[in-house]
Amino acid sequence: MGNRLTRLYTKTGDAGTTGLGDGSRVNKDHYRVEVMGDVDELNSILGILLTHDIDQQIKEEITRIQHDLFDLGAEICIPGHLVITEQRVSELEKSLDTFNANLSALKEFILPGGSAAAAVCHHARTVCRRAERRLVSLSHHEVISAYAMQYINRLSDYLFVIAREINRLSNTPDVLWRSLKSSKVS
């Protein structure tokens, strides 16, 4: 590991710029910094999810994903640095398929919710989608690894499935969407 921080503030960002891992400086609202912030926020929400009483296998996988997200943050922070691999994307897909096999087929849209843990997981999924959108925006200006793009896309699908699995394991039904057109208003 590189240098350890001995002091948390440097004052170098007081003018609205921040340093990237390669030593360059960019504005704090640069696409790259926006993606890093969303990935960090996603990681924090997953940390909140881990405080809930959820299945041990899910906890282990979410912890692994937190490490992946830190690696993804490093990849974004250091232009040209590659960390997320095809193998890691494949592992995430395999896990997604395994958990999805336990679930009933979706016949209707579901709303975020059910158990508290599933609601947190759905929140993580929405932040993941935002991070993906920002990563796509960055890719229009700079080269981004295809595996990083695939990973973040699969991760939002994974989090949707995990939210449903958390509800299933806690015997909490998913919240089904009801169209206002099909609902009778009294």
Protein backbone atom coordinates (compact mmCIF):
# COMPACT_ATOMS: atom_id res chain seq x y z
CA MET A 1 0.00 0.00 0.00
CA GLY A 2 1.15 3.52 -0.71
CA ASN A 3 1.45 6.38 1.72
CA ARG A 4 -0.61 6.31 4.87
CA LEU A 5 -2.47 9.44 5.82
CA THR A 6 -1.11 11.01 8.97
CA ARG A 7 -3.37 14.02 8.65
CA LEU A 8 -6.89 13.94 7.24
CA TYR A 9 -6.95 17.43 5.82
CA THR A 10 -4.40 18.76 3.36
CA LYS A 11 -6.09 22.01 2.28
CA THR A 12 -5.16 21.15 -1.33
CA GLY A 13 -8.85 20.85 -2.23
CA ASP A 14 -9.92 24.18 -0.82
CA ALA A 15 -10.06 25.71 -4.31
CA GLY A 16 -12.47 23.04 -5.60
CA THR A 17 -10.04 20.53 -7.04
CA THR A 18 -8.97 17.09 -5.91
CA GLY A 19 -6.02 14.84 -6.62
CA LEU A 20 -6.35 11.62 -8.56
CA GLY A 21 -4.25 8.55 -7.94
CA ASP A 22 -1.87 9.40 -10.77
CA GLY A 23 -1.07 12.80 -9.21
CA SER A 24 -3.19 14.86 -11.61
CA ARG A 25 -5.81 17.29 -10.29
CA VAL A 26 -9.37 17.69 -11.50
CA ASN A 27 -12.38 19.74 -10.42
CA LYS A 28 -14.42 18.13 -7.66
CA ASP A 29 -17.42 17.98 -9.98
CA HIS A 30 -15.48 16.15 -12.73
CA TYR A 31 -17.21 13.03 -14.12
CA ARG A 32 -14.49 10.87 -12.59
CA VAL A 33 -15.02 12.33 -9.11
CA GLU A 34 -18.79 11.98 -9.44
CA VAL A 35 -18.42 8.25 -10.21
CA MET A 36 -16.00 7.79 -7.31
CA GLY A 37 -18.52 9.46 -4.99
CA ASP A 38 -21.37 7.25 -6.14
CA VAL A 39 -19.27 4.09 -5.76
CA ASP A 40 -18.27 5.23 -2.27
CA GLU A 41 -21.91 5.93 -1.38
CA LEU A 42 -22.90 2.48 -2.67
CA ASN A 43 -20.18 0.89 -0.56
CA SER A 44 -21.45 2.76 2.51
CA ILE A 45 -25.02 1.58 1.96
CA LEU A 46 -23.77 -1.99 1.67
CA GLY A 47 -22.05 -1.44 5.02
CA ILE A 48 -25.45 -0.49 6.45
CA LEU A 49 -26.96 -3.63 4.92
CA LEU A 50 -24.33 -5.72 6.70
CA THR A 51 -25.54 -4.41 10.08
CA HIS A 52 -28.83 -6.23 9.53
CA ASP A 53 -29.49 -9.84 10.50
CA ILE A 54 -29.15 -11.46 7.08
CA ASP A 55 -27.97 -14.80 5.74
CA GLN A 56 -24.26 -15.49 6.33
CA GLN A 57 -23.55 -16.35 2.69
CA ILE A 58 -25.12 -13.07 1.60
CA LYS A 59 -23.03 -11.22 4.22
CA GLU A 60 -19.84 -12.82 2.88
CA GLU A 61 -20.71 -11.97 -0.71
CA ILE A 62 -21.65 -8.38 0.13
CA THR A 63 -18.34 -8.01 1.98
CA ARG A 64 -16.53 -9.31 -1.13
CA ILE A 65 -18.48 -6.79 -3.22
CA GLN A 66 -17.39 -3.99 -0.87
CA HIS A 67 -13.79 -4.93 -1.64
CA ASP A 68 -14.62 -4.98 -5.36
CA LEU A 69 -16.13 -1.52 -5.06
CA PHE A 70 -12.99 -0.25 -3.37
CA ASP A 71 -11.01 -1.74 -6.27
CA LEU A 72 -13.41 -0.12 -8.74
CA GLY A 73 -12.89 3.19 -6.95
CA ALA A 74 -9.13 2.76 -7.36
CA GLU A 75 -9.61 1.96 -11.03
CA ILE A 76 -11.62 5.15 -11.49
CA CYS A 77 -9.22 7.23 -9.37
CA ILE A 78 -6.16 6.20 -11.38
CA PRO A 79 -6.75 6.74 -15.11
CA GLY A 80 -5.59 3.69 -17.07
CA HIS A 81 -5.45 1.47 -13.96
CA LEU A 82 -7.32 -1.85 -14.37
CA VAL A 83 -8.47 -3.95 -11.41
CA ILE A 84 -11.92 -5.40 -12.18
CA THR A 85 -11.49 -8.57 -14.23
CA GLU A 86 -13.61 -10.70 -16.50
CA GLN A 87 -13.35 -13.45 -13.88
CA ARG A 88 -14.89 -11.21 -11.22
CA VAL A 89 -17.77 -10.31 -13.56
CA SER A 90 -18.32 -14.03 -14.22
CA GLU A 91 -18.28 -14.82 -10.49
CA LEU A 92 -20.89 -12.15 -9.84
CA GLU A 93 -23.07 -13.50 -12.67
CA LYS A 94 -22.80 -17.05 -11.27
CA SER A 95 -23.81 -15.87 -7.81
CA LEU A 96 -26.70 -13.86 -9.26
CA ASP A 97 -27.94 -16.94 -11.14
CA THR A 98 -27.63 -19.13 -8.02
CA PHE A 99 -29.67 -16.78 -5.83
CA ASN A 100 -32.20 -16.10 -8.59
CA ALA A 101 -32.88 -19.84 -8.92
CA ASN A 102 -34.39 -19.76 -5.40
CA LEU A 103 -36.92 -17.08 -6.33
CA SER A 104 -40.32 -17.33 -7.93
CA ALA A 105 -40.65 -15.88 -11.39
CA LEU A 106 -41.67 -12.25 -11.48
CA LYS A 107 -45.17 -11.73 -12.82
CA GLU A 108 -45.47 -8.12 -11.67
CA PHE A 109 -43.16 -5.24 -10.87
CA ILE A 110 -42.13 -4.99 -7.25
CA LEU A 111 -41.63 -1.90 -5.15
CA PRO A 112 -38.55 -1.38 -2.99
CA GLY A 113 -39.36 -2.72 0.43
CA GLY A 114 -40.48 -5.76 2.32
CA SER A 115 -38.08 -6.24 5.20
CA ALA A 116 -35.83 -3.43 6.42
CA ALA A 117 -32.75 -5.23 5.08
CA ALA A 118 -34.35 -5.71 1.65
CA ALA A 119 -35.27 -2.02 1.56
CA VAL A 120 -31.63 -1.11 2.25
CA CYS A 121 -30.56 -3.49 -0.52
CA HIS A 122 -33.01 -1.83 -2.93
CA HIS A 123 -31.56 1.55 -1.94
CA ALA A 124 -28.09 0.20 -2.75
CA ARG A 125 -29.42 -0.97 -6.13
CA THR A 126 -30.65 2.52 -7.02
CA VAL A 127 -27.33 4.10 -6.06
CA CYS A 128 -25.59 1.41 -8.13
CA ARG A 129 -27.70 2.42 -11.14
CA ARG A 130 -26.70 6.05 -10.61
CA ALA A 131 -23.03 5.05 -10.41
CA GLU A 132 -23.49 3.13 -13.65
CA ARG A 133 -25.04 6.15 -15.38
CA ARG A 134 -22.16 8.33 -14.22
CA LEU A 135 -19.63 5.72 -15.35
CA VAL A 136 -21.26 5.74 -18.79
CA SER A 137 -21.02 9.55 -18.85
CA LEU A 138 -17.33 9.31 -17.99
CA SER A 139 -16.84 6.72 -20.75
CA HIS A 140 -17.98 9.30 -23.32
CA HIS A 141 -14.92 11.39 -22.39
CA GLU A 142 -12.31 8.89 -21.26
CA VAL A 143 -11.50 5.23 -21.76
CA ILE A 144 -13.18 3.01 -19.17
CA SER A 145 -12.63 -0.72 -18.84
CA ALA A 146 -15.36 -2.86 -20.35
CA TYR A 147 -15.17 -5.09 -17.26
CA ALA A 148 -15.79 -2.16 -14.94
CA MET A 149 -18.87 -1.27 -17.00
CA GLN A 150 -20.09 -4.89 -16.99
CA TYR A 151 -19.45 -5.31 -13.27
CA ILE A 152 -21.45 -2.26 -12.21
CA ASN A 153 -24.29 -3.26 -14.56
CA ARG A 154 -24.45 -6.82 -13.18
CA LEU A 155 -24.17 -5.54 -9.63
CA SER A 156 -27.46 -3.63 -9.81
CA ASP A 157 -29.18 -6.79 -11.07
CA TYR A 158 -27.49 -8.78 -8.31
CA LEU A 159 -28.70 -6.35 -5.64
CA PHE A 160 -32.26 -6.62 -6.95
CA VAL A 161 -32.09 -10.41 -6.65
CA ILE A 162 -30.46 -10.23 -3.22
CA ALA A 163 -33.21 -7.90 -1.97
CA ARG A 164 -35.78 -10.47 -3.08
CA GLU A 165 -33.75 -13.30 -1.54
CA ILE A 166 -33.51 -11.43 1.77
CA ASN A 167 -37.30 -11.09 1.76
CA ARG A 168 -37.73 -14.78 0.88
CA LEU A 169 -35.41 -15.93 3.66
CA SER A 170 -37.20 -13.73 6.20
CA ASN A 171 -40.64 -14.89 5.02
CA THR A 172 -41.45 -11.32 4.04
CA PRO A 173 -43.36 -10.91 0.78
CA ASP A 174 -42.08 -8.59 -1.90
CA VAL A 175 -44.21 -5.48 -2.27
CA LEU A 176 -46.09 -5.82 -5.53
CA TRP A 177 -46.84 -2.76 -7.62
CA ARG A 178 -50.49 -2.06 -8.34
CA SER A 179 -51.33 0.23 -11.20
CA LEU A 180 -53.70 3.04 -10.38
CA LYS A 181 -55.66 1.98 -13.47
CA SER A 182 -56.35 -1.42 -11.95
CA SER A 183 -57.08 -0.10 -8.45
CA LYS A 184 -60.58 0.95 -7.57
CA VAL A 185 -60.77 4.30 -5.85
CA SER A 186 -63.56 4.62 -3.28
